[in-house]
Amino acid sequence: MTPLLSFENLQFRYEPFPIGLAAPVMDDDRYRQMLDNFPELQRFTAIEDFGRKYALSEKHNPRYYRALVTENPVWRELYYWIKSPDFIESVLDALEARHIELGVTPRITLKKHLSRIKSAIRQGRPIRLPRKLRSRFEFSMLPADGGHLLPHTDSPGKIITIVVSMARPGEWDESLGGGTDINRPREPRYQYNYLNQQARFEDVEIIDTFEFRPNQAVVFVKTFNSWHSVRPMTGKGSPLMRRTLTINIEEF
């Protein structure tokens, strides 16, 4: 399949966990089409369990989501690309080229699996089943008037998260906030958070911020300390929305 997202310009920082930025992440024409076809707010579900956001996904308003990704040509093409092993492989290849080897693969042949079993038997190691991967994406919005995501590390099943900004040039005012913050707990005992307990904003410090800008993707690997957040935005009374496509590669 033809790649729809480009990781050619992906650059990582490796501490305290692997997180990087790819920009631009798609060609201008495709990006404009996605902006023109981004779903309306009334189709989204309000989510307040770990912040203040709106989501449209396989889980949130699934009937409309399925109709959108099967009937709208722009989203149908993206949906089938994201769901394909080719997409997962392209992301893993991009990470491996930047010294991040996760030891997973979207597909494995029977021959290769048998070879691994024989090798494990010869070396007296446990025989491990291949880790199965899948990918999905959701439409997300955070209101400029107070929208936020509390500090968290992502659920254990996730392996990679890709957050694609969806904003027209000049549309978003960075003074309102909306950037993705890399966090570190103020108390070292909270560093280990593989099970994704939430924290308060005052419990973490900001190490770095990826500002919310058009046609870019923040890419990061889920770890025990992959603390990140979006601070409450300050656009009181503003109708602006921080729109994103949030893509996850996960085990199942």
C-alpha atoms as a PDB file:
ATOM      1  CA  MET A   1       0.000   0.000   0.000  1.00  0.00           C
ATOM      2  CA  THR A   2       1.094   3.585  -0.638  1.00  0.00           C
ATOM      3  CA  PRO A   3       2.402   5.183   2.590  1.00  0.00           C
ATOM      4  CA  LEU A   4       0.166   8.049   3.724  1.00  0.00           C
ATOM      5  CA  LEU A   5       2.353   9.261   6.592  1.00  0.00           C
ATOM      6  CA  SER A   6       6.021  10.127   6.240  1.00  0.00           C
ATOM      7  CA  PHE A   7       8.571   9.586   9.007  1.00  0.00           C
ATOM      8  CA  GLU A   8      11.509  10.709   6.898  1.00  0.00           C
ATOM      9  CA  ASN A   9      12.130  13.759   9.090  1.00  0.00           C
ATOM     10  CA  LEU A  10      11.422  12.018  12.414  1.00  0.00           C
ATOM     11  CA  GLN A  11      13.860  13.154  15.097  1.00  0.00           C
ATOM     12  CA  PHE A  12      13.964  11.671  18.598  1.00  0.00           C
ATOM     13  CA  ARG A  13      15.054  12.588  22.043  1.00  0.00           C
ATOM     14  CA  TYR A  14      15.774   9.489  24.143  1.00  0.00           C
ATOM     15  CA  GLU A  15      15.473  10.718  27.728  1.00  0.00           C
ATOM     16  CA  PRO A  16      13.520  10.128  29.848  1.00  0.00           C
ATOM     17  CA  PHE A  17      11.807   7.952  27.193  1.00  0.00           C
ATOM     18  CA  PRO A  18      11.890   7.793  23.377  1.00  0.00           C
ATOM     19  CA  ILE A  19       9.760  10.618  21.963  1.00  0.00           C
ATOM     20  CA  GLY A  20      10.171  12.526  18.742  1.00  0.00           C
ATOM     21  CA  LEU A  21       8.670  14.790  16.130  1.00  0.00           C
ATOM     22  CA  ALA A  22       8.029  14.248  12.404  1.00  0.00           C
ATOM     23  CA  ALA A  23       7.236  17.324  10.290  1.00  0.00           C
ATOM     24  CA  PRO A  24       5.780  17.492   7.758  1.00  0.00           C
ATOM     25  CA  VAL A  25       4.035  14.164   8.238  1.00  0.00           C
ATOM     26  CA  MET A  26       1.966  14.189   5.028  1.00  0.00           C
ATOM     27  CA  ASP A  27       1.757  16.055   1.735  1.00  0.00           C
ATOM     28  CA  ASP A  28      -0.065  19.397   1.763  1.00  0.00           C
ATOM     29  CA  ASP A  29      -2.935  18.320  -0.493  1.00  0.00           C
ATOM     30  CA  ARG A  30      -3.814  15.263   1.597  1.00  0.00           C
ATOM     31  CA  TYR A  31      -3.526  17.323   4.774  1.00  0.00           C
ATOM     32  CA  ARG A  32      -5.984  19.919   3.418  1.00  0.00           C
ATOM     33  CA  GLN A  33      -8.439  17.176   2.458  1.00  0.00           C
ATOM     34  CA  MET A  34      -8.331  15.751   5.979  1.00  0.00           C
ATOM     35  CA  LEU A  35      -8.919  19.180   7.492  1.00  0.00           C
ATOM     36  CA  ASP A  36     -11.845  19.787   5.120  1.00  0.00           C
ATOM     37  CA  ASN A  37     -13.385  16.438   6.103  1.00  0.00           C
ATOM     38  CA  PHE A  38     -12.670  16.488   9.837  1.00  0.00           C
ATOM     39  CA  PRO A  39     -15.883  15.441  11.650  1.00  0.00           C
ATOM     40  CA  GLU A  40     -18.122  17.904  13.488  1.00  0.00           C
ATOM     41  CA  LEU A  41     -17.992  18.272  17.260  1.00  0.00           C
ATOM     42  CA  GLN A  42     -21.545  16.939  17.719  1.00  0.00           C
ATOM     43  CA  ARG A  43     -20.332  13.521  16.526  1.00  0.00           C
ATOM     44  CA  PHE A  44     -17.814  13.278  19.386  1.00  0.00           C
ATOM     45  CA  THR A  45     -18.179  11.864  22.892  1.00  0.00           C
ATOM     46  CA  ALA A  46     -17.071  13.938  25.890  1.00  0.00           C
ATOM     47  CA  ILE A  47     -14.323  12.203  27.900  1.00  0.00           C
ATOM     48  CA  GLU A  48     -13.501  13.448  31.402  1.00  0.00           C
ATOM     49  CA  ASP A  49     -11.905  10.496  33.180  1.00  0.00           C
ATOM     50  CA  PHE A  50      -8.334  11.697  32.601  1.00  0.00           C
ATOM     51  CA  GLY A  51      -8.788  15.242  31.395  1.00  0.00           C
ATOM     52  CA  ARG A  52     -11.193  17.230  29.279  1.00  0.00           C
ATOM     53  CA  LYS A  53     -11.422  16.059  25.688  1.00  0.00           C
ATOM     54  CA  TYR A  54     -13.764  14.796  22.975  1.00  0.00           C
ATOM     55  CA  ALA A  55     -13.250  11.558  21.051  1.00  0.00           C
ATOM     56  CA  LEU A  56     -14.688   9.779  18.036  1.00  0.00           C
ATOM     57  CA  SER A  57     -13.398   6.236  17.615  1.00  0.00           C
ATOM     58  CA  GLU A  58     -14.131   2.525  17.489  1.00  0.00           C
ATOM     59  CA  LYS A  59     -15.141   2.890  21.144  1.00  0.00           C
ATOM     60  CA  HIS A  60     -16.750   6.344  21.223  1.00  0.00           C
ATOM     61  CA  ASN A  61     -19.766   6.705  18.895  1.00  0.00           C
ATOM     62  CA  PRO A  62     -18.673   3.572  17.003  1.00  0.00           C
ATOM     63  CA  ARG A  63     -21.639   3.523  14.610  1.00  0.00           C
ATOM     64  CA  TYR A  64     -20.860   6.933  13.149  1.00  0.00           C
ATOM     65  CA  TYR A  65     -17.115   6.202  13.223  1.00  0.00           C
ATOM     66  CA  ARG A  66     -17.594   3.046  11.136  1.00  0.00           C
ATOM     67  CA  ALA A  67     -19.789   4.912   8.663  1.00  0.00           C
ATOM     68  CA  LEU A  68     -17.253   7.723   8.358  1.00  0.00           C
ATOM     69  CA  VAL A  69     -14.217   5.507   7.750  1.00  0.00           C
ATOM     70  CA  THR A  70     -16.022   3.336   5.224  1.00  0.00           C
ATOM     71  CA  GLU A  71     -18.017   5.938   3.275  1.00  0.00           C
ATOM     72  CA  ASN A  72     -15.740   9.002   3.243  1.00  0.00           C
ATOM     73  CA  PRO A  73     -12.913   8.401   0.688  1.00  0.00           C
ATOM     74  CA  VAL A  74     -10.349  10.460   2.636  1.00  0.00           C
ATOM     75  CA  TRP A  75     -10.850   8.578   5.898  1.00  0.00           C
ATOM     76  CA  ARG A  76     -11.408   5.214   4.230  1.00  0.00           C
ATOM     77  CA  GLU A  77      -7.970   5.371   2.645  1.00  0.00           C
ATOM     78  CA  LEU A  78      -6.344   6.351   5.939  1.00  0.00           C
ATOM     79  CA  TYR A  79      -8.291   3.721   7.878  1.00  0.00           C
ATOM     80  CA  TYR A  80      -7.161   0.826   5.698  1.00  0.00           C
ATOM     81  CA  TRP A  81      -3.590   2.100   5.662  1.00  0.00           C
ATOM     82  CA  ILE A  82      -3.466   2.401   9.470  1.00  0.00           C
ATOM     83  CA  LYS A  83      -5.000  -1.076   9.830  1.00  0.00           C
ATOM     84  CA  SER A  84      -2.460  -2.691   7.517  1.00  0.00           C
ATOM     85  CA  PRO A  85       0.702  -4.579   8.563  1.00  0.00           C
ATOM     86  CA  ASP A  86       2.537  -2.294   6.110  1.00  0.00           C
ATOM     87  CA  PHE A  87       1.767   0.712   8.298  1.00  0.00           C
ATOM     88  CA  ILE A  88       2.963  -0.963  11.492  1.00  0.00           C
ATOM     89  CA  GLU A  89       6.074  -2.137   9.709  1.00  0.00           C
ATOM     90  CA  SER A  90       6.815   1.376   8.419  1.00  0.00           C
ATOM     91  CA  VAL A  91       6.652   2.765  11.959  1.00  0.00           C
ATOM     92  CA  LEU A  92       8.823  -0.007  13.402  1.00  0.00           C
ATOM     93  CA  ASP A  93      11.353   0.500  10.587  1.00  0.00           C
ATOM     94  CA  ALA A  94      11.465   4.245  11.299  1.00  0.00           C
ATOM     95  CA  LEU A  95      12.131   3.568  14.974  1.00  0.00           C
ATOM     96  CA  GLU A  96      14.739   0.896  14.291  1.00  0.00           C
ATOM     97  CA  ALA A  97      16.588   3.290  11.959  1.00  0.00           C
ATOM     98  CA  ARG A  98      16.802   5.615  14.969  1.00  0.00           C
ATOM     99  CA  HIS A  99      18.190   2.927  17.319  1.00  0.00           C
ATOM    100  CA  ILE A 100      14.847   1.963  18.907  1.00  0.00           C
ATOM    101  CA  GLU A 101      14.378  -1.803  18.553  1.00  0.00           C
ATOM    102  CA  LEU A 102      11.199  -3.049  20.241  1.00  0.00           C
ATOM    103  CA  GLY A 103      11.481  -6.736  19.332  1.00  0.00           C
ATOM    104  CA  VAL A 104       8.025  -6.912  17.749  1.00  0.00           C
ATOM    105  CA  THR A 105       6.801  -7.481  14.211  1.00  0.00           C
ATOM    106  CA  PRO A 106       3.365  -7.118  12.553  1.00  0.00           C
ATOM    107  CA  ARG A 107       3.743 -10.427  10.761  1.00  0.00           C
ATOM    108  CA  ILE A 108       5.830 -13.562  11.102  1.00  0.00           C
ATOM    109  CA  THR A 109       5.969 -16.542   8.771  1.00  0.00           C
ATOM    110  CA  LEU A 110       5.490 -20.104  10.001  1.00  0.00           C
ATOM    111  CA  LYS A 111       9.033 -20.899   8.856  1.00  0.00           C
ATOM    112  CA  LYS A 112      10.484 -18.058  10.907  1.00  0.00           C
ATOM    113  CA  HIS A 113       8.394 -18.994  13.940  1.00  0.00           C
ATOM    114  CA  LEU A 114       9.571 -22.633  13.767  1.00  0.00           C
ATOM    115  CA  SER A 115      13.145 -21.406  13.451  1.00  0.00           C
ATOM    116  CA  ARG A 116      12.741 -19.373  16.638  1.00  0.00           C
ATOM    117  CA  ILE A 117      11.281 -22.383  18.462  1.00  0.00           C
ATOM    118  CA  LYS A 118      14.223 -24.592  17.410  1.00  0.00           C
ATOM    119  CA  SER A 119      16.695 -21.920  18.465  1.00  0.00           C
ATOM    120  CA  ALA A 120      15.028 -21.576  21.880  1.00  0.00           C
ATOM    121  CA  ILE A 121      15.124 -25.359  22.410  1.00  0.00           C
ATOM    122  CA  ARG A 122      18.820 -25.546  21.481  1.00  0.00           C
ATOM    123  CA  GLN A 123      19.696 -22.718  23.862  1.00  0.00           C
ATOM    124  CA  GLY A 124      17.432 -23.911  26.671  1.00  0.00           C
ATOM    125  CA  ARG A 125      15.346 -20.738  26.576  1.00  0.00           C
ATOM    126  CA  PRO A 126      11.571 -20.514  27.105  1.00  0.00           C
ATOM    127  CA  ILE A 127       9.488 -20.767  23.944  1.00  0.00           C
ATOM    128  CA  ARG A 128       7.643 -17.489  23.504  1.00  0.00           C
ATOM    129  CA  LEU A 129       4.677 -16.905  21.246  1.00  0.00           C
ATOM    130  CA  PRO A 130       4.946 -13.996  18.799  1.00  0.00           C
ATOM    131  CA  ARG A 131       3.503 -10.758  20.142  1.00  0.00           C
ATOM    132  CA  LYS A 132       0.428  -9.884  18.090  1.00  0.00           C
ATOM    133  CA  LEU A 133       0.058  -6.258  17.038  1.00  0.00           C
ATOM    134  CA  ARG A 134      -2.825  -4.153  15.805  1.00  0.00           C
ATOM    135  CA  SER A 135      -3.273  -0.467  15.069  1.00  0.00           C
ATOM    136  CA  ARG A 136      -6.157   1.946  15.318  1.00  0.00           C
ATOM    137  CA  PHE A 137      -6.831   5.655  15.284  1.00  0.00           C
ATOM    138  CA  GLU A 138      -9.302   8.074  16.804  1.00  0.00           C
ATOM    139  CA  PHE A 139     -10.361  11.635  16.119  1.00  0.00           C
ATOM    140  CA  SER A 140      -9.701  13.796  19.170  1.00  0.00           C
ATOM    141  CA  MET A 141     -10.439  17.362  20.206  1.00  0.00           C
ATOM    142  CA  LEU A 142      -9.428  19.396  23.231  1.00  0.00           C
ATOM    143  CA  PRO A 143     -11.206  22.738  23.701  1.00  0.00           C
ATOM    144  CA  ALA A 144      -8.951  25.797  23.847  1.00  0.00           C
ATOM    145  CA  ASP A 145     -11.156  26.848  26.764  1.00  0.00           C
ATOM    146  CA  GLY A 146      -9.725  24.612  29.497  1.00  0.00           C
ATOM    147  CA  GLY A 147      -9.102  21.391  27.541  1.00  0.00           C
ATOM    148  CA  HIS A 148      -6.336  19.226  29.000  1.00  0.00           C
ATOM    149  CA  LEU A 149      -4.949  15.739  29.556  1.00  0.00           C
ATOM    150  CA  LEU A 150      -3.663  14.823  33.014  1.00  0.00           C
ATOM    151  CA  PRO A 151      -0.100  13.455  33.349  1.00  0.00           C
ATOM    152  CA  HIS A 152      -0.079   9.728  32.502  1.00  0.00           C
ATOM    153  CA  THR A 153       2.108   7.097  30.804  1.00  0.00           C
ATOM    154  CA  ASP A 154      -0.479   5.289  28.588  1.00  0.00           C
ATOM    155  CA  SER A 155      -2.034   1.887  29.170  1.00  0.00           C
ATOM    156  CA  PRO A 156       0.233  -1.196  29.269  1.00  0.00           C
ATOM    157  CA  GLY A 157      -1.157  -2.667  26.037  1.00  0.00           C
ATOM    158  CA  LYS A 158       0.048   0.269  23.966  1.00  0.00           C
ATOM    159  CA  ILE A 159       3.464   0.123  22.346  1.00  0.00           C
ATOM    160  CA  ILE A 160       3.637   3.263  20.190  1.00  0.00           C
ATOM    161  CA  THR A 161       1.475   6.389  20.074  1.00  0.00           C
ATOM    162  CA  ILE A 162       1.414   8.885  17.190  1.00  0.00           C
ATOM    163  CA  VAL A 163      -0.403  12.198  17.657  1.00  0.00           C
ATOM    164  CA  VAL A 164      -0.976  14.009  14.353  1.00  0.00           C
ATOM    165  CA  SER A 165      -1.869  17.696  14.686  1.00  0.00           C
ATOM    166  CA  MET A 166      -4.840  18.822  12.597  1.00  0.00           C
ATOM    167  CA  ALA A 167      -4.788  22.605  12.241  1.00  0.00           C
ATOM    168  CA  ARG A 168      -4.707  25.023   9.330  1.00  0.00           C
ATOM    169  CA  PRO A 169      -1.704  27.352   9.019  1.00  0.00           C
ATOM    170  CA  GLY A 170      -2.255  30.333  11.314  1.00  0.00           C
ATOM    171  CA  GLU A 171      -5.387  28.824  12.878  1.00  0.00           C
ATOM    172  CA  TRP A 172      -3.931  27.924  16.290  1.00  0.00           C
ATOM    173  CA  ASP A 173      -2.594  30.488  18.763  1.00  0.00           C
ATOM    174  CA  GLU A 174       0.320  28.848  20.609  1.00  0.00           C
ATOM    175  CA  SER A 175      -0.083  31.301  23.493  1.00  0.00           C
ATOM    176  CA  LEU A 176      -3.214  29.320  24.432  1.00  0.00           C
ATOM    177  CA  GLY A 177      -1.117  26.199  25.093  1.00  0.00           C
ATOM    178  CA  GLY A 178      -1.980  22.831  23.605  1.00  0.00           C
ATOM    179  CA  GLY A 179       1.562  21.492  23.370  1.00  0.00           C
ATOM    180  CA  THR A 180       2.450  17.940  24.403  1.00  0.00           C
ATOM    181  CA  ASP A 181       4.535  18.155  27.583  1.00  0.00           C
ATOM    182  CA  ILE A 182       7.190  15.618  28.541  1.00  0.00           C
ATOM    183  CA  ASN A 183       6.912  15.200  32.303  1.00  0.00           C
ATOM    184  CA  ARG A 184       8.999  13.888  35.169  1.00  0.00           C
ATOM    185  CA  PRO A 185       7.539  13.198  38.635  1.00  0.00           C
ATOM    186  CA  ARG A 186       8.865  15.515  41.303  1.00  0.00           C
ATOM    187  CA  GLU A 187       9.210  12.517  43.625  1.00  0.00           C
ATOM    188  CA  PRO A 188      11.394   9.652  42.262  1.00  0.00           C
ATOM    189  CA  ARG A 189       9.136   7.020  43.829  1.00  0.00           C
ATOM    190  CA  TYR A 190       6.524   7.836  41.186  1.00  0.00           C
ATOM    191  CA  GLN A 191       8.872   7.309  38.243  1.00  0.00           C
ATOM    192  CA  TYR A 192       7.784   3.705  37.736  1.00  0.00           C
ATOM    193  CA  ASN A 193       4.248   3.863  36.383  1.00  0.00           C
ATOM    194  CA  TYR A 194       3.809   1.021  33.914  1.00  0.00           C
ATOM    195  CA  LEU A 195       0.146   0.534  34.876  1.00  0.00           C
ATOM    196  CA  ASN A 196      -0.691   4.142  33.963  1.00  0.00           C
ATOM    197  CA  GLN A 197      -1.758   5.778  37.208  1.00  0.00           C
ATOM    198  CA  GLN A 198      -2.648   9.437  36.670  1.00  0.00           C
ATOM    199  CA  ALA A 199      -0.933  12.309  38.405  1.00  0.00           C
ATOM    200  CA  ARG A 200      -1.807  15.892  39.190  1.00  0.00           C
ATOM    201  CA  PHE A 201      -0.082  18.641  37.234  1.00  0.00           C
ATOM    202  CA  GLU A 202       1.572  19.880  40.419  1.00  0.00           C
ATOM    203  CA  ASP A 203       3.114  16.424  40.962  1.00  0.00           C
ATOM    204  CA  VAL A 204       5.258  16.602  37.805  1.00  0.00           C
ATOM    205  CA  GLU A 205       7.709  19.000  36.212  1.00  0.00           C
ATOM    206  CA  ILE A 206       7.913  19.802  32.502  1.00  0.00           C
ATOM    207  CA  ILE A 207      11.136  18.672  30.827  1.00  0.00           C
ATOM    208  CA  ASP A 208      10.237  19.713  27.290  1.00  0.00           C
ATOM    209  CA  THR A 209       7.220  20.639  25.171  1.00  0.00           C
ATOM    210  CA  PHE A 210       6.264  19.844  21.587  1.00  0.00           C
ATOM    211  CA  GLU A 211       4.167  22.832  20.581  1.00  0.00           C
ATOM    212  CA  PHE A 212       0.914  22.203  18.732  1.00  0.00           C
ATOM    213  CA  ARG A 213       1.664  23.048  15.082  1.00  0.00           C
ATOM    214  CA  PRO A 214       0.153  22.045  11.724  1.00  0.00           C
ATOM    215  CA  ASN A 215       1.137  18.903   9.814  1.00  0.00           C
ATOM    216  CA  GLN A 216       3.335  17.274  12.399  1.00  0.00           C
ATOM    217  CA  ALA A 217       3.292  14.075  14.432  1.00  0.00           C
ATOM    218  CA  VAL A 218       4.549  13.503  17.957  1.00  0.00           C
ATOM    219  CA  VAL A 219       5.716   9.877  18.153  1.00  0.00           C
ATOM    220  CA  PHE A 220       6.578   8.130  21.398  1.00  0.00           C
ATOM    221  CA  VAL A 221       7.132   4.688  22.883  1.00  0.00           C
ATOM    222  CA  LYS A 222       5.160   3.514  25.912  1.00  0.00           C
ATOM    223  CA  THR A 223       7.509   2.821  28.830  1.00  0.00           C
ATOM    224  CA  PHE A 224       7.268   2.671  32.619  1.00  0.00           C
ATOM    225  CA  ASN A 225       8.115   6.388  32.767  1.00  0.00           C
ATOM    226  CA  SER A 226       6.596   7.800  29.567  1.00  0.00           C
ATOM    227  CA  TRP A 227       4.910  10.599  31.507  1.00  0.00           C
ATOM    228  CA  HIS A 228       3.230  13.176  29.254  1.00  0.00           C
ATOM    229  CA  SER A 229       0.316  15.589  29.403  1.00  0.00           C
ATOM    230  CA  VAL A 230      -1.405  18.613  27.919  1.00  0.00           C
ATOM    231  CA  ARG A 231      -1.762  21.450  30.422  1.00  0.00           C
ATOM    232  CA  PRO A 232      -5.129  23.230  30.744  1.00  0.00           C
ATOM    233  CA  MET A 233      -5.414  25.629  27.833  1.00  0.00           C
ATOM    234  CA  THR A 234      -6.114  29.263  28.501  1.00  0.00           C
ATOM    235  CA  GLY A 235      -8.507  30.338  25.721  1.00  0.00           C
ATOM    236  CA  LYS A 236     -11.411  31.333  27.941  1.00  0.00           C
ATOM    237  CA  GLY A 237     -14.476  31.752  25.756  1.00  0.00           C
ATOM    238  CA  SER A 238     -12.583  30.649  22.632  1.00  0.00           C
ATOM    239  CA  PRO A 239     -14.363  28.311  20.172  1.00  0.00           C
ATOM    240  CA  LEU A 240     -11.026  26.892  18.970  1.00  0.00           C
ATOM    241  CA  MET A 241     -10.374  23.174  19.204  1.00  0.00           C
ATOM    242  CA  ARG A 242      -7.032  21.391  19.373  1.00  0.00           C
ATOM    243  CA  ARG A 243      -7.813  18.720  16.771  1.00  0.00           C
ATOM    244  CA  THR A 244      -5.703  15.587  16.368  1.00  0.00           C
ATOM    245  CA  LEU A 245      -5.605  12.112  14.904  1.00  0.00           C
ATOM    246  CA  THR A 246      -4.328   9.819  17.636  1.00  0.00           C
ATOM    247  CA  ILE A 247      -2.868   6.563  16.301  1.00  0.00           C
ATOM    248  CA  ASN A 248      -1.969   3.627  18.540  1.00  0.00           C
ATOM    249  CA  ILE A 249      -0.006   0.466  17.852  1.00  0.00           C
ATOM    250  CA  GLU A 250      -0.767  -2.059  20.568  1.00  0.00           C
ATOM    251  CA  GLU A 251      -0.629  -5.707  21.597  1.00  0.00           C
ATOM    252  CA  PHE A 252      -3.718  -7.890  21.747  1.00  0.00           C
END
